Protein backbone atom coordinates (compact mmCIF):
# COMPACT_ATOMS: atom_id res chain seq x y z
CA MET A 1 -25.18 56.21 -24.74
CA LEU A 2 -22.67 57.15 -27.42
CA GLY A 3 -25.41 57.15 -30.03
CA ILE A 4 -27.59 59.43 -27.93
CA ILE A 5 -24.74 61.85 -27.26
CA ASN A 6 -23.76 61.75 -30.93
CA LYS A 7 -27.29 62.67 -32.06
CA GLY A 8 -27.82 65.32 -29.40
CA GLY A 9 -24.52 67.18 -29.49
CA ASN A 10 -23.85 68.65 -26.05
CA LEU A 11 -26.15 66.86 -23.60
CA THR A 12 -26.59 67.13 -19.86
CA ARG A 13 -26.64 64.12 -17.55
CA THR A 14 -30.43 64.27 -17.32
CA LYS A 15 -30.97 64.15 -21.08
CA ILE A 16 -28.55 61.25 -21.43
CA MET A 17 -30.13 59.39 -18.52
CA TYR A 18 -33.65 59.67 -19.93
CA GLY A 19 -32.55 59.01 -23.50
CA ALA A 20 -30.74 55.81 -22.54
CA TYR A 21 -33.32 54.71 -19.91
CA LEU A 22 -30.69 54.48 -17.16
CA SER A 23 -30.77 54.99 -13.44
CA TYR A 24 -28.63 57.79 -12.03
CA LYS A 25 -26.18 55.24 -10.60
CA GLN A 26 -25.82 53.45 -13.95
CA LEU A 27 -25.42 56.76 -15.74
CA ASN A 28 -22.53 57.83 -13.51
CA GLU A 29 -20.75 54.49 -13.92
CA TYR A 30 -21.02 54.60 -17.71
CA LEU A 31 -20.06 58.27 -17.95
CA THR A 32 -16.95 57.58 -15.86
CA PHE A 33 -15.99 54.71 -18.16
CA LEU A 34 -16.57 56.74 -21.32
CA LEU A 35 -14.63 59.72 -19.95
CA GLU A 36 -11.69 57.58 -18.80
CA ASN A 37 -11.46 56.01 -22.26
CA ASP A 38 -11.72 59.37 -24.08
CA LEU A 39 -14.91 58.38 -25.90
CA ILE A 40 -16.69 61.50 -24.60
CA SER A 41 -15.57 64.82 -23.16
CA ARG A 42 -17.10 66.92 -20.40
CA GLN A 43 -17.70 70.63 -20.84
CA GLN A 44 -18.49 73.01 -17.99
CA LYS A 45 -19.61 76.42 -19.29
CA THR A 46 -20.06 78.29 -16.02
CA ASN A 47 -20.12 77.46 -12.33
CA HIS A 48 -23.91 77.57 -12.24
CA SER A 49 -24.74 75.60 -15.39
CA ALA A 50 -24.85 71.84 -15.60
CA ALA A 51 -21.97 70.04 -17.25
CA SER A 52 -22.60 68.78 -20.75
CA PHE A 53 -21.06 65.87 -22.58
CA ARG A 54 -19.97 65.59 -26.19
CA ILE A 55 -18.69 62.63 -28.18
CA THR A 56 -15.01 62.76 -29.15
CA GLU A 57 -13.43 61.80 -32.45
CA LYS A 58 -12.37 58.51 -30.85
CA GLY A 59 -15.95 57.95 -29.66
CA THR A 60 -17.33 58.65 -33.13
CA TYR A 61 -14.89 56.16 -34.63
CA PHE A 62 -15.80 53.52 -32.03
CA LEU A 63 -19.53 54.07 -32.63
CA ARG A 64 -19.10 53.76 -36.41
CA ILE A 65 -17.15 50.48 -36.07
CA HIS A 66 -19.71 49.16 -33.58
CA ASN A 67 -22.59 49.92 -35.95
CA GLN A 68 -20.77 48.28 -38.88
CA MET A 69 -20.18 45.12 -36.83
CA ASN A 70 -23.86 45.02 -35.82
CA GLU A 71 -24.85 45.27 -39.49
CA MET A 72 -22.53 42.40 -40.42
CA ILE A 73 -23.90 40.25 -37.60
CA SER A 74 -27.50 40.90 -38.62
CA ILE A 75 -26.71 39.94 -42.23
CA ILE A 76 -25.19 36.64 -41.10
CA SER A 77 -28.07 35.78 -38.74
């Protein structure tokens, strides 16, 4: 999910859900976790528009470290 949000910039729940192939229930659980851990932030532009989500600096750092670890693991395997 972080990778999808990182590539897309500000994304709505629907775009994240389809991009990550998640059910609505899964999406809400993961969004809650990411928000609570400050890996993403929620932005509400107006009362009538859907909320969008953006990756935070902490989320970008986490994603970079995660990708580096995956690369190291694939080299070893």
